[in-house]
C-alpha atoms as a PDB file:
ATOM      1  CA  UNK A   1      14.198 -16.988  42.381  1.00  0.00           C
ATOM      2  CA  UNK A   2      11.906 -19.248  40.413  1.00  0.00           C
ATOM      3  CA  UNK A   3       8.174 -18.451  40.149  1.00  0.00           C
ATOM      4  CA  UNK A   4       7.286 -21.630  42.049  1.00  0.00           C
ATOM      5  CA  UNK A   5       9.558 -20.617  44.928  1.00  0.00           C
ATOM      6  CA  UNK A   6       7.901 -17.202  45.104  1.00  0.00           C
ATOM      7  CA  UNK A   7       4.444 -18.796  45.184  1.00  0.00           C
ATOM      8  CA  UNK A   8       5.564 -21.141  47.991  1.00  0.00           C
ATOM      9  CA  UNK A   9       6.893 -18.176  49.939  1.00  0.00           C
ATOM     10  CA  UNK A  10       3.638 -16.251  49.401  1.00  0.00           C
ATOM     11  CA  UNK A  11       1.653 -19.229  50.735  1.00  0.00           C
ATOM     12  CA  UNK A  12       3.815 -19.296  53.867  1.00  0.00           C
ATOM     13  CA  UNK A  13       3.492 -15.539  54.400  1.00  0.00           C
ATOM     14  CA  UNK A  14      -0.289 -15.797  53.950  1.00  0.00           C
ATOM     15  CA  UNK A  15      -0.475 -18.131  56.973  1.00  0.00           C
ATOM     16  CA  UNK A  16       1.321 -15.696  59.302  1.00  0.00           C
ATOM     17  CA  UNK A  17      -0.474 -13.857  62.092  1.00  0.00           C
ATOM     18  CA  UNK A  18      -0.646 -10.046  62.074  1.00  0.00           C
ATOM     19  CA  UNK A  19       2.246  -9.889  64.547  1.00  0.00           C
ATOM     20  CA  UNK A  20       4.318 -12.299  62.482  1.00  0.00           C
ATOM     21  CA  UNK A  21       3.562 -10.288  59.322  1.00  0.00           C
ATOM     22  CA  UNK A  22       4.731  -7.097  61.060  1.00  0.00           C
ATOM     23  CA  UNK A  23       7.929  -8.851  62.191  1.00  0.00           C
ATOM     24  CA  UNK A  24       8.443 -10.287  58.684  1.00  0.00           C
ATOM     25  CA  UNK A  25       7.987  -6.875  57.029  1.00  0.00           C
ATOM     26  CA  UNK A  26      10.368  -5.279  59.545  1.00  0.00           C
ATOM     27  CA  UNK A  27      12.940  -7.973  58.781  1.00  0.00           C
ATOM     28  CA  UNK A  28      12.613  -7.352  55.034  1.00  0.00           C
ATOM     29  CA  UNK A  29      13.071  -3.579  55.561  1.00  0.00           C
ATOM     30  CA  UNK A  30      16.121  -4.215  57.733  1.00  0.00           C
ATOM     31  CA  UNK A  31      17.709  -6.577  55.194  1.00  0.00           C
ATOM     32  CA  UNK A  32      17.094  -4.093  52.360  1.00  0.00           C
ATOM     33  CA  UNK A  33      18.606  -1.260  54.421  1.00  0.00           C
ATOM     34  CA  UNK A  34      21.701  -3.376  55.171  1.00  0.00           C
ATOM     35  CA  UNK A  35      22.080  -4.179  51.467  1.00  0.00           C
ATOM     36  CA  UNK A  36      21.691  -0.511  50.490  1.00  0.00           C
ATOM     37  CA  UNK A  37      24.334   0.512  53.057  1.00  0.00           C
ATOM     38  CA  UNK A  38      26.698  -2.222  51.828  1.00  0.00           C
ATOM     39  CA  UNK A  39      26.224  -1.003  48.233  1.00  0.00           C
ATOM     40  CA  UNK A  40      26.939   2.608  49.254  1.00  0.00           C
ATOM     41  CA  UNK A  41      30.099   1.488  51.056  1.00  0.00           C
ATOM     42  CA  UNK A  42      31.182  -0.606  48.056  1.00  0.00           C
ATOM     43  CA  UNK A  43      30.727   2.354  45.700  1.00  0.00           C
ATOM     44  CA  UNK A  44      32.615   4.693  48.073  1.00  0.00           C
ATOM     45  CA  UNK A  45      35.517   2.222  48.192  1.00  0.00           C
ATOM     46  CA  UNK A  46      35.450   1.923  44.397  1.00  0.00           C
ATOM     47  CA  UNK A  47      35.637   5.706  43.997  1.00  0.00           C
ATOM     48  CA  UNK A  48      38.605   5.856  46.359  1.00  0.00           C
ATOM     49  CA  UNK A  49      40.676   3.549  44.109  1.00  0.00           C
ATOM     50  CA  UNK A  50      43.148   4.725  41.483  1.00  0.00           C
ATOM     51  CA  UNK A  51      41.885   4.508  37.888  1.00  0.00           C
ATOM     52  CA  UNK A  52      43.700   1.254  37.152  1.00  0.00           C
ATOM     53  CA  UNK A  53      42.682  -0.349  40.436  1.00  0.00           C
ATOM     54  CA  UNK A  54      39.065   0.696  39.794  1.00  0.00           C
ATOM     55  CA  UNK A  55      39.130  -0.891  36.339  1.00  0.00           C
ATOM     56  CA  UNK A  56      40.631  -4.078  37.804  1.00  0.00           C
ATOM     57  CA  UNK A  57      37.870  -4.140  40.422  1.00  0.00           C
ATOM     58  CA  UNK A  58      35.198  -3.575  37.767  1.00  0.00           C
ATOM     59  CA  UNK A  59      36.490  -6.400  35.597  1.00  0.00           C
ATOM     60  CA  UNK A  60      36.745  -8.726  38.589  1.00  0.00           C
ATOM     61  CA  UNK A  61      33.170  -7.940  39.658  1.00  0.00           C
ATOM     62  CA  UNK A  62      31.515  -8.004  36.238  1.00  0.00           C
ATOM     63  CA  UNK A  63      33.324 -10.635  34.182  1.00  0.00           C
ATOM     64  CA  UNK A  64      33.016 -14.252  35.254  1.00  0.00           C
ATOM     65  CA  UNK A  65      33.936 -15.756  31.911  1.00  0.00           C
ATOM     66  CA  UNK A  66      35.014 -14.024  28.701  1.00  0.00           C
ATOM     67  CA  UNK A  67      31.967 -15.363  26.854  1.00  0.00           C
ATOM     68  CA  UNK A  68      29.703 -13.798  29.499  1.00  0.00           C
ATOM     69  CA  UNK A  69      31.151 -10.294  29.144  1.00  0.00           C
ATOM     70  CA  UNK A  70      28.392  -7.715  29.584  1.00  0.00           C
ATOM     71  CA  UNK A  71      29.461  -4.181  28.745  1.00  0.00           C
ATOM     72  CA  UNK A  72      26.316  -2.819  30.433  1.00  0.00           C
ATOM     73  CA  UNK A  73      27.529  -4.137  33.792  1.00  0.00           C
ATOM     74  CA  UNK A  74      31.024  -2.778  33.190  1.00  0.00           C
ATOM     75  CA  UNK A  75      29.688   0.669  32.252  1.00  0.00           C
ATOM     76  CA  UNK A  76      27.465   0.736  35.337  1.00  0.00           C
ATOM     77  CA  UNK A  77      30.403  -0.101  37.571  1.00  0.00           C
ATOM     78  CA  UNK A  78      32.585   2.526  35.884  1.00  0.00           C
ATOM     79  CA  UNK A  79      29.871   5.131  36.496  1.00  0.00           C
ATOM     80  CA  UNK A  80      29.722   4.071  40.159  1.00  0.00           C
ATOM     81  CA  UNK A  81      33.489   4.600  40.261  1.00  0.00           C
ATOM     82  CA  UNK A  82      32.969   8.158  39.010  1.00  0.00           C
ATOM     83  CA  UNK A  83      34.021   7.706  35.407  1.00  0.00           C
ATOM     84  CA  UNK A  84      32.155   9.885  32.922  1.00  0.00           C
ATOM     85  CA  UNK A  85      32.328  10.105  29.172  1.00  0.00           C
ATOM     86  CA  UNK A  86      33.770  13.382  27.975  1.00  0.00           C
ATOM     87  CA  UNK A  87      33.232  15.047  24.650  1.00  0.00           C
ATOM     88  CA  UNK A  88      36.161  14.210  22.365  1.00  0.00           C
ATOM     89  CA  UNK A  89      38.878  16.840  22.406  1.00  0.00           C
ATOM     90  CA  UNK A  90      39.495  18.800  19.239  1.00  0.00           C
ATOM     91  CA  UNK A  91      42.380  20.922  18.048  1.00  0.00           C
ATOM     92  CA  UNK A  92      42.337  24.373  16.535  1.00  0.00           C
ATOM     93  CA  UNK A  93      45.330  26.410  15.362  1.00  0.00           C
ATOM     94  CA  UNK A  94      45.515  30.168  15.677  1.00  0.00           C
ATOM     95  CA  UNK A  95      47.898  32.212  13.506  1.00  0.00           C
ATOM     96  CA  UNK A  96      48.611  35.677  14.855  1.00  0.00           C
ATOM     97  CA  UNK A  97      49.574  38.617  12.659  1.00  0.00           C
ATOM     98  CA  UNK A  98      53.307  38.324  12.151  1.00  0.00           C
ATOM     99  CA  UNK A  99      53.188  34.542  11.723  1.00  0.00           C
ATOM    100  CA  UNK A 100      53.317  33.241  15.297  1.00  0.00           C
ATOM    101  CA  UNK A 101      50.872  30.415  15.919  1.00  0.00           C
ATOM    102  CA  UNK A 102      49.518  28.261  18.724  1.00  0.00           C
ATOM    103  CA  UNK A 103      47.450  25.086  18.881  1.00  0.00           C
ATOM    104  CA  UNK A 104      44.722  24.759  21.457  1.00  0.00           C
ATOM    105  CA  UNK A 105      42.981  21.529  22.461  1.00  0.00           C
ATOM    106  CA  UNK A 106      39.552  21.338  24.056  1.00  0.00           C
ATOM    107  CA  UNK A 107      35.892  20.616  23.571  1.00  0.00           C
ATOM    108  CA  UNK A 108      34.105  22.138  20.613  1.00  0.00           C
ATOM    109  CA  UNK A 109      32.280  24.536  22.926  1.00  0.00           C
ATOM    110  CA  UNK A 110      35.462  25.646  24.730  1.00  0.00           C
ATOM    111  CA  UNK A 111      37.317  26.159  21.453  1.00  0.00           C
ATOM    112  CA  UNK A 112      34.435  28.199  20.093  1.00  0.00           C
ATOM    113  CA  UNK A 113      34.671  30.530  23.093  1.00  0.00           C
ATOM    114  CA  UNK A 114      38.460  30.872  22.723  1.00  0.00           C
ATOM    115  CA  UNK A 115      38.070  31.613  19.005  1.00  0.00           C
ATOM    116  CA  UNK A 116      35.442  34.288  19.648  1.00  0.00           C
ATOM    117  CA  UNK A 117      37.520  35.991  22.333  1.00  0.00           C
ATOM    118  CA  UNK A 118      40.725  35.937  20.288  1.00  0.00           C
ATOM    119  CA  UNK A 119      38.972  37.298  17.192  1.00  0.00           C
ATOM    120  CA  UNK A 120      37.610  40.165  19.304  1.00  0.00           C
ATOM    121  CA  UNK A 121      40.965  40.829  20.994  1.00  0.00           C
ATOM    122  CA  UNK A 122      43.412  40.333  18.105  1.00  0.00           C
ATOM    123  CA  UNK A 123      42.470  41.928  14.779  1.00  0.00           C
ATOM    124  CA  UNK A 124      43.690  39.866  11.826  1.00  0.00           C
ATOM    125  CA  UNK A 125      44.023  36.559  13.680  1.00  0.00           C
ATOM    126  CA  UNK A 126      43.348  33.489  11.567  1.00  0.00           C
ATOM    127  CA  UNK A 127      42.237  30.078  12.795  1.00  0.00           C
ATOM    128  CA  UNK A 128      41.947  26.585  11.372  1.00  0.00           C
ATOM    129  CA  UNK A 129      38.658  24.772  11.087  1.00  0.00           C
ATOM    130  CA  UNK A 130      37.614  22.897  14.170  1.00  0.00           C
ATOM    131  CA  UNK A 131      35.587  25.008  16.511  1.00  0.00           C
END
């Protein structure tokens, strides 16, 4: 809304009686509550979609034209859909005495815990860098 339109609206509201002001304020509260409920319902529906359907819905809602792409809007919609950024997964290799080995993937913190537990449980185990 333009500043001039807001000023015009303020002038109109200023001429209202106390009863009209109370009715006006109640109407504004009601409209805001309806909008908040609609937004909650929209987000719930978005979260119920499959990943690909959610991404399609996000793109449809946030991208009018390719030159108007706004990643902030897309990220906000993805968060509403329940998407979260995870720490990148890392890999660490463990070589047991006797030559058998395994590779484990996980977050740096998880791999650090696995490495600590295996070192305590298996004397002579070797591991690659990573965690």
